[in-house]
mmCIF file of all heavy atoms, coordinates in Angstrom:
data_MODEL
# 
_entry.id   MODEL 
# 
loop_
_atom_site.group_PDB 
_atom_site.id 
_atom_site.type_symbol 
_atom_site.label_atom_id 
_atom_site.label_alt_id 
_atom_site.label_comp_id 
_atom_site.label_asym_id 
_atom_site.label_entity_id 
_atom_site.label_seq_id 
_atom_site.pdbx_PDB_ins_code 
_atom_site.Cartn_x 
_atom_site.Cartn_y 
_atom_site.Cartn_z 
_atom_site.occupancy 
_atom_site.B_iso_or_equiv 
_atom_site.pdbx_formal_charge 
_atom_site.auth_seq_id 
_atom_site.auth_comp_id 
_atom_site.auth_asym_id 
_atom_site.auth_atom_id 
_atom_site.pdbx_PDB_model_num 
ATOM 1   N N   . PHE A 1 1  ? -1.421 31.137 4.596  1.00 0.00 ? 1  PHE A N   1 
ATOM 2   C CA  . PHE A 1 1  ? -0.580 32.334 4.607  1.00 0.00 ? 1  PHE A CA  1 
ATOM 3   C C   . PHE A 1 1  ? 0.912  32.006 4.475  1.00 0.00 ? 1  PHE A C   1 
ATOM 4   O O   . PHE A 1 1  ? 1.724  32.896 4.229  1.00 0.00 ? 1  PHE A O   1 
ATOM 5   C CB  . PHE A 1 1  ? -0.817 33.129 5.893  1.00 0.00 ? 1  PHE A CB  1 
ATOM 6   C CG  . PHE A 1 1  ? -2.206 33.681 6.008  1.00 0.00 ? 1  PHE A CG  1 
ATOM 7   C CD1 . PHE A 1 1  ? -3.099 33.175 6.940  1.00 0.00 ? 1  PHE A CD1 1 
ATOM 8   C CD2 . PHE A 1 1  ? -2.646 34.686 5.160  1.00 0.00 ? 1  PHE A CD2 1 
ATOM 9   C CE1 . PHE A 1 1  ? -4.392 33.683 7.035  1.00 0.00 ? 1  PHE A CE1 1 
ATOM 10  C CE2 . PHE A 1 1  ? -3.935 35.193 5.239  1.00 0.00 ? 1  PHE A CE2 1 
ATOM 11  C CZ  . PHE A 1 1  ? -4.809 34.685 6.178  1.00 0.00 ? 1  PHE A CZ  1 
ATOM 12  N N   . ASN A 1 2  ? 1.270  30.735 4.651  1.00 0.00 ? 2  ASN A N   1 
ATOM 13  C CA  . ASN A 1 2  ? 2.667  30.308 4.553  1.00 0.00 ? 2  ASN A CA  1 
ATOM 14  C C   . ASN A 1 2  ? 2.709  28.987 3.787  1.00 0.00 ? 2  ASN A C   1 
ATOM 15  O O   . ASN A 1 2  ? 2.827  27.912 4.396  1.00 0.00 ? 2  ASN A O   1 
ATOM 16  C CB  . ASN A 1 2  ? 3.290  30.132 5.943  1.00 0.00 ? 2  ASN A CB  1 
ATOM 17  C CG  . ASN A 1 2  ? 3.188  31.394 6.777  1.00 0.00 ? 2  ASN A CG  1 
ATOM 18  O OD1 . ASN A 1 2  ? 4.059  32.244 6.748  1.00 0.00 ? 2  ASN A OD1 1 
ATOM 19  N ND2 . ASN A 1 2  ? 2.100  31.501 7.530  1.00 0.00 ? 2  ASN A ND2 1 
ATOM 20  N N   . PRO A 1 3  ? 2.585  29.023 2.474  1.00 0.00 ? 3  PRO A N   1 
ATOM 21  C CA  . PRO A 1 3  ? 2.459  27.810 1.667  1.00 0.00 ? 3  PRO A CA  1 
ATOM 22  C C   . PRO A 1 3  ? 3.597  26.802 1.838  1.00 0.00 ? 3  PRO A C   1 
ATOM 23  O O   . PRO A 1 3  ? 3.393  25.599 1.670  1.00 0.00 ? 3  PRO A O   1 
ATOM 24  C CB  . PRO A 1 3  ? 2.422  28.343 0.231  1.00 0.00 ? 3  PRO A CB  1 
ATOM 25  C CG  . PRO A 1 3  ? 1.954  29.760 0.361  1.00 0.00 ? 3  PRO A CG  1 
ATOM 26  C CD  . PRO A 1 3  ? 2.518  30.244 1.655  1.00 0.00 ? 3  PRO A CD  1 
ATOM 27  N N   . ASP A 1 4  ? 4.806  27.269 2.185  1.00 0.00 ? 4  ASP A N   1 
ATOM 28  C CA  . ASP A 1 4  ? 5.922  26.331 2.322  1.00 0.00 ? 4  ASP A CA  1 
ATOM 29  C C   . ASP A 1 4  ? 5.774  25.450 3.550  1.00 0.00 ? 4  ASP A C   1 
ATOM 30  O O   . ASP A 1 4  ? 6.227  24.313 3.576  1.00 0.00 ? 4  ASP A O   1 
ATOM 31  C CB  . ASP A 1 4  ? 7.257  27.073 2.374  1.00 0.00 ? 4  ASP A CB  1 
ATOM 32  C CG  . ASP A 1 4  ? 7.371  28.002 3.576  1.00 0.00 ? 4  ASP A CG  1 
ATOM 33  O OD1 . ASP A 1 4  ? 6.329  28.394 4.128  1.00 0.00 ? 4  ASP A OD1 1 
ATOM 34  O OD2 . ASP A 1 4  ? 8.512  28.329 3.946  1.00 0.00 ? 4  ASP A OD2 1 
ATOM 35  N N   . GLY A 1 5  ? 5.087  25.959 4.603  1.00 0.00 ? 5  GLY A N   1 
ATOM 36  C CA  . GLY A 1 5  ? 4.823  25.167 5.808  1.00 0.00 ? 5  GLY A CA  1 
ATOM 37  C C   . GLY A 1 5  ? 6.073  24.677 6.510  1.00 0.00 ? 5  GLY A C   1 
ATOM 38  O O   . GLY A 1 5  ? 6.057  23.673 7.206  1.00 0.00 ? 5  GLY A O   1 
ATOM 39  N N   . SER A 1 6  ? 7.179  25.403 6.386  1.00 0.00 ? 6  SER A N   1 
ATOM 40  C CA  . SER A 1 6  ? 8.469  24.914 6.862  1.00 0.00 ? 6  SER A CA  1 
ATOM 41  C C   . SER A 1 6  ? 8.599  24.861 8.384  1.00 0.00 ? 6  SER A C   1 
ATOM 42  O O   . SER A 1 6  ? 9.396  24.105 8.910  1.00 0.00 ? 6  SER A O   1 
ATOM 43  C CB  . SER A 1 6  ? 9.590  25.790 6.290  1.00 0.00 ? 6  SER A CB  1 
ATOM 44  O OG  . SER A 1 6  ? 9.374  27.150 6.635  1.00 0.00 ? 6  SER A OG  1 
ATOM 45  N N   . LYS A 1 7  ? 7.825  25.655 9.099  1.00 0.00 ? 7  LYS A N   1 
ATOM 46  C CA  . LYS A 1 7  ? 7.996  25.736 10.548 1.00 0.00 ? 7  LYS A CA  1 
ATOM 47  C C   . LYS A 1 7  ? 6.824  25.139 11.322 1.00 0.00 ? 7  LYS A C   1 
ATOM 48  O O   . LYS A 1 7  ? 6.672  25.399 12.509 1.00 0.00 ? 7  LYS A O   1 
ATOM 49  C CB  . LYS A 1 7  ? 8.190  27.194 10.974 1.00 0.00 ? 7  LYS A CB  1 
ATOM 50  C CG  . LYS A 1 7  ? 9.413  27.858 10.345 1.00 0.00 ? 7  LYS A CG  1 
ATOM 51  C CD  . LYS A 1 7  ? 9.521  29.300 10.777 1.00 0.00 ? 7  LYS A CD  1 
ATOM 52  C CE  . LYS A 1 7  ? 10.735 29.983 10.141 1.00 0.00 ? 7  LYS A CE  1 
ATOM 53  N NZ  . LYS A 1 7  ? 10.823 31.411 10.504 1.00 0.00 ? 7  LYS A NZ  1 
ATOM 54  N N   . TRP A 1 8  ? 5.998  24.327 10.672 1.00 0.00 ? 8  TRP A N   1 
ATOM 55  C CA  . TRP A 1 8  ? 4.775  23.857 11.328 1.00 0.00 ? 8  TRP A CA  1 
ATOM 56  C C   . TRP A 1 8  ? 5.047  22.911 12.494 1.00 0.00 ? 8  TRP A C   1 
ATOM 57  O O   . TRP A 1 8  ? 4.242  22.760 13.386 1.00 0.00 ? 8  TRP A O   1 
ATOM 58  C CB  . TRP A 1 8  ? 3.857  23.171 10.301 1.00 0.00 ? 8  TRP A CB  1 
ATOM 59  C CG  . TRP A 1 8  ? 2.608  22.654 10.939 1.00 0.00 ? 8  TRP A CG  1 
ATOM 60  C CD1 . TRP A 1 8  ? 2.224  21.365 11.089 1.00 0.00 ? 8  TRP A CD1 1 
ATOM 61  C CD2 . TRP A 1 8  ? 1.580  23.429 11.562 1.00 0.00 ? 8  TRP A CD2 1 
ATOM 62  N NE1 . TRP A 1 8  ? 1.031  21.278 11.747 1.00 0.00 ? 8  TRP A NE1 1 
ATOM 63  C CE2 . TRP A 1 8  ? 0.613  22.552 12.052 1.00 0.00 ? 8  TRP A CE2 1 
ATOM 64  C CE3 . TRP A 1 8  ? 1.389  24.809 11.754 1.00 0.00 ? 8  TRP A CE3 1 
ATOM 65  C CZ2 . TRP A 1 8  ? -0.537 22.978 12.717 1.00 0.00 ? 8  TRP A CZ2 1 
ATOM 66  C CZ3 . TRP A 1 8  ? 0.252  25.235 12.417 1.00 0.00 ? 8  TRP A CZ3 1 
ATOM 67  C CH2 . TRP A 1 8  ? -0.696 24.322 12.888 1.00 0.00 ? 8  TRP A CH2 1 
ATOM 68  N N   . GLY A 1 9  ? 6.196  22.292 12.547 1.00 0.00 ? 9  GLY A N   1 
ATOM 69  C CA  . GLY A 1 9  ? 6.447  21.279 13.565 1.00 0.00 ? 9  GLY A CA  1 
ATOM 70  C C   . GLY A 1 9  ? 6.537  21.795 14.994 1.00 0.00 ? 9  GLY A C   1 
ATOM 71  O O   . GLY A 1 9  ? 6.397  21.025 15.935 1.00 0.00 ? 9  GLY A O   1 
ATOM 72  N N   . THR A 1 10 ? 6.787  23.078 15.219 1.00 0.00 ? 10 THR A N   1 
ATOM 73  C CA  . THR A 1 10 ? 6.957  23.601 16.574 1.00 0.00 ? 10 THR A CA  1 
ATOM 74  C C   . THR A 1 10 ? 5.604  23.894 17.221 1.00 0.00 ? 10 THR A C   1 
ATOM 75  O O   . THR A 1 10 ? 4.611  24.149 16.535 1.00 0.00 ? 10 THR A O   1 
ATOM 76  C CB  . THR A 1 10 ? 7.793  24.883 16.540 1.00 0.00 ? 10 THR A CB  1 
ATOM 77  O OG1 . THR A 1 10 ? 7.154  25.826 15.663 1.00 0.00 ? 10 THR A OG1 1 
ATOM 78  C CG2 . THR A 1 10 ? 9.192  24.597 16.017 1.00 0.00 ? 10 THR A CG2 1 
ATOM 79  N N   . PRO A 1 11 ? 5.503  23.866 18.579 1.00 0.00 ? 11 PRO A N   1 
ATOM 80  C CA  . PRO A 1 11 ? 4.225  24.105 19.272 1.00 0.00 ? 11 PRO A CA  1 
ATOM 81  C C   . PRO A 1 11 ? 3.640  25.487 18.991 1.00 0.00 ? 11 PRO A C   1 
ATOM 82  O O   . PRO A 1 11 ? 2.430  25.655 18.935 1.00 0.00 ? 11 PRO A O   1 
ATOM 83  C CB  . PRO A 1 11 ? 4.574  23.949 20.753 1.00 0.00 ? 11 PRO A CB  1 
ATOM 84  C CG  . PRO A 1 11 ? 5.824  23.137 20.775 1.00 0.00 ? 11 PRO A CG  1 
ATOM 85  C CD  . PRO A 1 11 ? 6.570  23.498 19.535 1.00 0.00 ? 11 PRO A CD  1 
ATOM 86  N N   . VAL A 1 12 ? 4.513  26.485 18.858 1.00 0.00 ? 12 VAL A N   1 
ATOM 87  C CA  . VAL A 1 12 ? 4.074  27.849 18.531 1.00 0.00 ? 12 VAL A CA  1 
ATOM 88  C C   . VAL A 1 12 ? 4.756  28.246 17.231 1.00 0.00 ? 12 VAL A C   1 
ATOM 89  O O   . VAL A 1 12 ? 5.994  28.228 17.143 1.00 0.00 ? 12 VAL A O   1 
ATOM 90  C CB  . VAL A 1 12 ? 4.440  28.843 19.651 1.00 0.00 ? 12 VAL A CB  1 
ATOM 91  C CG1 . VAL A 1 12 ? 3.985  30.245 19.279 1.00 0.00 ? 12 VAL A CG1 1 
ATOM 92  C CG2 . VAL A 1 12 ? 3.817  28.412 20.978 1.00 0.00 ? 12 VAL A CG2 1 
ATOM 93  N N   . VAL A 1 13 ? 3.964  28.561 16.214 1.00 0.00 ? 13 VAL A N   1 
ATOM 94  C CA  . VAL A 1 13 ? 4.532  28.911 14.911 1.00 0.00 ? 13 VAL A CA  1 
ATOM 95  C C   . VAL A 1 13 ? 4.155  30.345 14.552 1.00 0.00 ? 13 VAL A C   1 
ATOM 96  O O   . VAL A 1 13 ? 3.137  30.868 15.006 1.00 0.00 ? 13 VAL A O   1 
ATOM 97  C CB  . VAL A 1 13 ? 4.055  27.948 13.801 1.00 0.00 ? 13 VAL A CB  1 
ATOM 98  C CG1 . VAL A 1 13 ? 4.571  26.559 14.036 1.00 0.00 ? 13 VAL A CG1 1 
ATOM 99  C CG2 . VAL A 1 13 ? 2.540  27.938 13.702 1.00 0.00 ? 13 VAL A CG2 1 
ATOM 100 N N   . ARG A 1 14 ? 4.977  30.959 13.739 1.00 0.00 ? 14 ARG A N   1 
ATOM 101 C CA  . ARG A 1 14 ? 4.755  32.354 13.342 1.00 0.00 ? 14 ARG A CA  1 
ATOM 102 C C   . ARG A 1 14 ? 4.637  32.466 11.831 1.00 0.00 ? 14 ARG A C   1 
ATOM 103 O O   . ARG A 1 14 ? 5.304  31.738 11.083 1.00 0.00 ? 14 ARG A O   1 
ATOM 104 C CB  . ARG A 1 14 ? 5.885  33.253 13.843 1.00 0.00 ? 14 ARG A CB  1 
ATOM 105 C CG  . ARG A 1 14 ? 5.935  33.364 15.357 1.00 0.00 ? 14 ARG A CG  1 
ATOM 106 C CD  . ARG A 1 14 ? 7.133  34.182 15.818 1.00 0.00 ? 14 ARG A CD  1 
ATOM 107 N NE  . ARG A 1 14 ? 7.172  34.266 17.272 1.00 0.00 ? 14 ARG A NE  1 
ATOM 108 C CZ  . ARG A 1 14 ? 6.590  35.223 17.982 1.00 0.00 ? 14 ARG A CZ  1 
ATOM 109 N NH1 . ARG A 1 14 ? 5.930  36.208 17.358 1.00 0.00 ? 14 ARG A NH1 1 
ATOM 110 N NH2 . ARG A 1 14 ? 6.658  35.243 19.290 1.00 0.00 ? 14 ARG A NH2 1 
ATOM 111 N N   . GLY A 1 15 ? 3.793  33.358 11.399 1.00 0.00 ? 15 GLY A N   1 
ATOM 112 C CA  . GLY A 1 15 ? 3.629  33.647 9.981  1.00 0.00 ? 15 GLY A CA  1 
ATOM 113 C C   . GLY A 1 15 ? 3.444  35.140 9.793  1.00 0.00 ? 15 GLY A C   1 
ATOM 114 O O   . GLY A 1 15 ? 3.639  35.928 10.727 1.00 0.00 ? 15 GLY A O   1 
ATOM 115 N N   . ARG A 1 16 ? 3.057  35.529 8.611  1.00 0.00 ? 16 ARG A N   1 
ATOM 116 C CA  . ARG A 1 16 ? 2.866  36.948 8.297  1.00 0.00 ? 16 ARG A CA  1 
ATOM 117 C C   . ARG A 1 16 ? 1.529  37.116 7.608  1.00 0.00 ? 16 ARG A C   1 
ATOM 118 O O   . ARG A 1 16 ? 1.174  36.347 6.717  1.00 0.00 ? 16 ARG A O   1 
ATOM 119 C CB  . ARG A 1 16 ? 3.993  37.433 7.384  1.00 0.00 ? 16 ARG A CB  1 
ATOM 120 C CG  . ARG A 1 16 ? 4.146  38.935 7.310  1.00 0.00 ? 16 ARG A CG  1 
ATOM 121 C CD  . ARG A 1 16 ? 4.728  39.493 8.577  1.00 0.00 ? 16 ARG A CD  1 
ATOM 122 N NE  . ARG A 1 16 ? 4.938  40.941 8.486  1.00 0.00 ? 16 ARG A NE  1 
ATOM 123 C CZ  . ARG A 1 16 ? 5.225  41.705 9.535  1.00 0.00 ? 16 ARG A CZ  1 
ATOM 124 N NH1 . ARG A 1 16 ? 5.327  41.170 10.738 1.00 0.00 ? 16 ARG A NH1 1 
ATOM 125 N NH2 . ARG A 1 16 ? 5.419  43.002 9.388  1.00 0.00 ? 16 ARG A NH2 1 
ATOM 126 N N   . LEU A 1 17 ? 0.760  38.119 8.028  1.00 0.00 ? 17 LEU A N   1 
ATOM 127 C CA  . LEU A 1 17 ? -0.551 38.379 7.467  1.00 0.00 ? 17 LEU A CA  1 
ATOM 128 C C   . LEU A 1 17 ? -0.487 39.494 6.428  1.00 0.00 ? 17 LEU A C   1 
ATOM 129 O O   . LEU A 1 17 ? 0.447  40.304 6.431  1.00 0.00 ? 17 LEU A O   1 
ATOM 130 C CB  . LEU A 1 17 ? -1.535 38.758 8.582  1.00 0.00 ? 17 LEU A CB  1 
ATOM 131 C CG  . LEU A 1 17 ? -1.853 37.670 9.610  1.00 0.00 ? 17 LEU A CG  1 
ATOM 132 C CD1 . LEU A 1 17 ? -2.778 38.210 10.692 1.00 0.00 ? 17 LEU A CD1 1 
ATOM 133 C CD2 . LEU A 1 17 ? -2.470 36.454 8.934  1.00 0.00 ? 17 LEU A CD2 1 
ATOM 134 N N   . PRO A 1 18 ? -1.485 39.571 5.542  1.00 0.00 ? 18 PRO A N   1 
ATOM 135 C CA  . PRO A 1 18 ? -1.506 40.629 4.525  1.00 0.00 ? 18 PRO A CA  1 
ATOM 136 C C   . PRO A 1 18 ? -1.456 42.037 5.101  1.00 0.00 ? 18 PRO A C   1 
ATOM 137 O O   . PRO A 1 18 ? -0.993 42.968 4.434  1.00 0.00 ? 18 PRO A O   1 
ATOM 138 C CB  . PRO A 1 18 ? -2.836 40.376 3.798  1.00 0.00 ? 18 PRO A CB  1 
ATOM 139 C CG  . PRO A 1 18 ? -3.092 38.922 3.970  1.00 0.00 ? 18 PRO A CG  1 
ATOM 140 C CD  . PRO A 1 18 ? -2.568 38.588 5.333  1.00 0.00 ? 18 PRO A CD  1 
ATOM 141 N N   . ALA A 1 19 ? -1.935 42.208 6.351  1.00 0.00 ? 19 ALA A N   1 
ATOM 142 C CA  . ALA A 1 19 ? -1.909 43.529 6.982  1.00 0.00 ? 19 ALA A CA  1 
ATOM 143 C C   . ALA A 1 19 ? -0.518 43.895 7.490  1.00 0.00 ? 19 ALA A C   1 
ATOM 144 O O   . ALA A 1 19 ? -0.356 44.918 8.183  1.00 0.00 ? 19 ALA A O   1 
ATOM 145 C CB  . ALA A 1 19 ? -2.913 43.583 8.129  1.00 0.00 ? 19 ALA A CB  1 
ATOM 146 N N   . ASP A 1 20 ? 0.473  43.063 7.165  1.00 0.00 ? 20 ASP A N   1 
ATOM 147 C CA  . ASP A 1 20 ? 1.864  43.311 7.549  1.00 0.00 ? 20 ASP A CA  1 
ATOM 148 C C   . ASP A 1 20 ? 2.057  43.260 9.062  1.00 0.00 ? 20 ASP A C   1 
ATOM 149 O O   . ASP A 1 20 ? 2.777  44.084 9.644  1.00 0.00 ? 20 ASP A O   1 
ATOM 150 C CB  . ASP A 1 20 ? 2.361  44.651 6.991  1.00 0.00 ? 20 ASP A CB  1 
ATOM 151 C CG  . ASP A 1 20 ? 3.891  44.702 6.939  1.00 0.00 ? 20 ASP A CG  1 
ATOM 152 O OD1 . ASP A 1 20 ? 4.501  43.633 6.795  1.00 0.00 ? 20 ASP A OD1 1 
ATOM 153 O OD2 . ASP A 1 20 ? 4.446  45.806 7.065  1.00 0.00 ? 20 ASP A OD2 1 
ATOM 154 N N   . VAL A 1 21 ? 1.401  42.308 9.707  1.00 0.00 ? 21 VAL A N   1 
ATOM 155 C CA  . VAL A 1 21 ? 1.620  42.036 11.119 1.00 0.00 ? 21 VAL A CA  1 
ATOM 156 C C   . VAL A 1 21 ? 1.924  40.545 11.274 1.00 0.00 ? 21 VAL A C   1 
ATOM 157 O O   . VAL A 1 21 ? 1.550  39.729 10.428 1.00 0.00 ? 21 VAL A O   1 
ATOM 158 C CB  . VAL A 1 21 ? 0.394  42.417 11.991 1.00 0.00 ? 21 VAL A CB  1 
ATOM 159 C CG1 . VAL A 1 21 ? 0.154  43.899 11.967 1.00 0.00 ? 21 VAL A CG1 1 
ATOM 160 C CG2 . VAL A 1 21 ? -0.851 41.654 11.531 1.00 0.00 ? 21 VAL A CG2 1 
ATOM 161 N N   . ASP A 1 22 ? 2.592  40.203 12.356 1.00 0.00 ? 22 ASP A N   1 
ATOM 162 C CA  . ASP A 1 22 ? 2.918  38.804 12.621 1.00 0.00 ? 22 ASP A CA  1 
ATOM 163 C C   . ASP A 1 22 ? 1.665  38.037 13.046 1.00 0.00 ? 22 ASP A C   1 
ATOM 164 O O   . ASP A 1 22 ? 0.806  38.552 13.770 1.00 0.00 ? 22 ASP A O   1 
ATOM 165 C CB  . ASP A 1 22 ? 3.959  38.696 13.733 1.00 0.00 ? 22 ASP A CB  1 
ATOM 166 C CG  . ASP A 1 22 ? 5.346  39.101 13.255 1.00 0.00 ? 22 ASP A CG  1 
ATOM 167 O OD1 . ASP A 1 22 ? 5.580  39.040 12.036 1.00 0.00 ? 22 ASP A OD1 1 
ATOM 168 O OD2 . ASP A 1 22 ? 6.179  39.473 14.105 1.00 0.00 ? 22 ASP A OD2 1 
ATOM 169 N N   . LEU A 1 23 ? 1.580  36.796 12.597 1.00 0.00 ? 23 LEU A N   1 
ATOM 170 C CA  . LEU A 1 23 ? 0.536  35.874 13.063 1.00 0.00 ? 23 LEU A CA  1 
ATOM 171 C C   . LEU A 1 23 ? 1.215  34.843 13.952 1.00 0.00 ? 23 LEU A C   1 
ATOM 172 O O   . LEU A 1 23 ? 2.124  34.128 13.514 1.00 0.00 ? 23 LEU A O   1 
ATOM 173 C CB  . LEU A 1 23 ? -0.142 35.181 11.887 1.00 0.00 ? 23 LEU A CB  1 
ATOM 174 C CG  . LEU A 1 23 ? -1.128 34.048 12.241 1.00 0.00 ? 23 LEU A CG  1 
ATOM 175 C CD1 . LEU A 1 23 ? -2.319 34.598 13.025 1.00 0.00 ? 23 LEU A CD1 1 
ATOM 176 C CD2 . LEU A 1 23 ? -1.602 33.326 10.988 1.00 0.00 ? 23 LEU A CD2 1 
ATOM 177 N N   . VAL A 1 24 ? 0.790  34.776 15.209 1.00 0.00 ? 24 VAL A N   1 
ATOM 178 C CA  . VAL A 1 24 ? 1.337  33.808 16.156 1.00 0.00 ? 24 VAL A CA  1 
ATOM 179 C C   . VAL A 1 24 ? 0.283  32.723 16.375 1.00 0.00 ? 24 VAL A C   1 
ATOM 180 O O   . VAL A 1 24 ? -0.795 32.998 16.908 1.00 0.00 ? 24 VAL A O   1 
ATOM 181 C CB  . VAL A 1 24 ? 1.702  34.469 17.502 1.00 0.00 ? 24 VAL A CB  1 
ATOM 182 C CG1 . VAL A 1 24 ? 2.274  33.435 18.462 1.00 0.00 ? 24 VAL A CG1 1 
ATOM 183 C CG2 . VAL A 1 24 ? 2.695  35.609 17.282 1.00 0.00 ? 24 VAL A CG2 1 
ATOM 184 N N   . ILE A 1 25 ? 0.595  31.504 15.934 1.00 0.00 ? 25 ILE A N   1 
ATOM 185 C CA  . ILE A 1 25 ? -0.352 30.390 16.068 1.00 0.00 ? 25 ILE A CA  1 
ATOM 186 C C   . ILE A 1 25 ? 0.098  29.475 17.199 1.00 0.00 ? 25 ILE A C   1 
ATOM 187 O O   . ILE A 1 25 ? 1.204  28.929 17.174 1.00 0.00 ? 25 ILE A O   1 
ATOM 188 C CB  . ILE A 1 25 ? -0.449 29.575 14.761 1.00 0.00 ? 25 ILE A CB  1 
ATOM 189 C CG1 . ILE A 1 25 ? -0.901 30.463 13.604 1.00 0.00 ? 25 ILE A CG1 1 
ATOM 190 C CG2 . ILE A 1 25 ? -1.413 28.407 14.929 1.00 0.00 ? 25 ILE A CG2 1 
ATOM 191 C CD1 . ILE A 1 25 ? -0.971 29.739 12.270 1.00 0.00 ? 25 ILE A CD1 1 
ATOM 192 N N   . VAL A 1 26 ? -0.756 29.346 18.199 1.00 0.00 ? 26 VAL A N   1 
ATOM 193 C CA  . VAL A 1 26 ? -0.523 28.414 19.300 1.00 0.00 ? 26 VAL A CA  1 
ATOM 194 C C   . VAL A 1 26 ? -1.338 27.162 18.987 1.00 0.00 ? 26 VAL A C   1 
ATOM 195 O O   . VAL A 1 26 ? -2.550 27.143 19.148 1.00 0.00 ? 26 VAL A O   1 
ATOM 196 C CB  . VAL A 1 26 ? -0.947 29.018 20.650 1.00 0.00 ? 26 VAL A CB  1 
ATOM 197 C CG1 . VAL A 1 26 ? -0.646 28.050 21.787 1.00 0.00 ? 26 VAL A CG1 1 
ATOM 198 C CG2 . VAL A 1 26 ? -0.239 30.349 20.881 1.00 0.00 ? 26 VAL A CG2 1 
ATOM 199 N N   . LYS A 1 27 ? -0.667 26.106 18.532 1.00 0.00 ? 27 LYS A N   1 
ATOM 200 C CA  . LYS A 1 27 ? -1.357 24.923 18.019 1.00 0.00 ? 27 LYS A CA  1 
ATOM 201 C C   . LYS A 1 27 ? -2.164 24.203 19.093 1.00 0.00 ? 27 LYS A C   1 
ATOM 202 O O   . LYS A 1 27 ? -3.228 23.668 18.814 1.00 0.00 ? 27 LYS A O   1 
ATOM 203 C CB  . LYS A 1 27 ? -0.337 23.956 17.415 1.00 0.00 ? 27 LYS A CB  1 
ATOM 204 C CG  . LYS A 1 27 ? 0.333  24.480 16.167 1.00 0.00 ? 27 LYS A CG  1 
ATOM 205 C CD  . LYS A 1 27 ? 1.639  23.773 15.877 1.00 0.00 ? 27 LYS A CD  1 
ATOM 206 C CE  . LYS A 1 27 ? 1.513  22.266 15.847 1.00 0.00 ? 27 LYS A CE  1 
ATOM 207 N NZ  . LYS A 1 27 ? 2.811  21.628 15.490 1.00 0.00 ? 27 LYS A NZ  1 
ATOM 208 N N   . ASP A 1 28 ? -1.627 24.158 20.295 1.00 0.00 ? 28 ASP A N   1 
ATOM 209 C CA  . ASP A 1 28 ? -2.339 23.494 21.394 1.00 0.00 ? 28 ASP A CA  1 
ATOM 210 C C   . ASP A 1 28 ? -1.891 24.105 22.712 1.00 0.00 ? 28 ASP A C   1 
ATOM 211 O O   . ASP A 1 28 ? -0.895 23.688 23.305 1.00 0.00 ? 28 ASP A O   1 
ATOM 212 C CB  . ASP A 1 28 ? -2.077 21.986 21.385 1.00 0.00 ? 28 ASP A CB  1 
ATOM 213 C CG  . ASP A 1 28 ? -3.036 21.228 22.308 1.00 0.00 ? 28 ASP A CG  1 
ATOM 214 O OD1 . ASP A 1 28 ? -3.653 21.877 23.186 1.00 0.00 ? 28 ASP A OD1 1 
ATOM 215 O OD2 . ASP A 1 28 ? -3.171 20.007 22.154 1.00 0.00 ? 28 ASP A OD2 1 
# 
């Protein structure tokens, strides 16, 4: 959903889904 992958280094990363809502990924 975020091909650039620019913010992957942080423990909690955010992206955007096709439904126009935020995706909050908690890596660990």
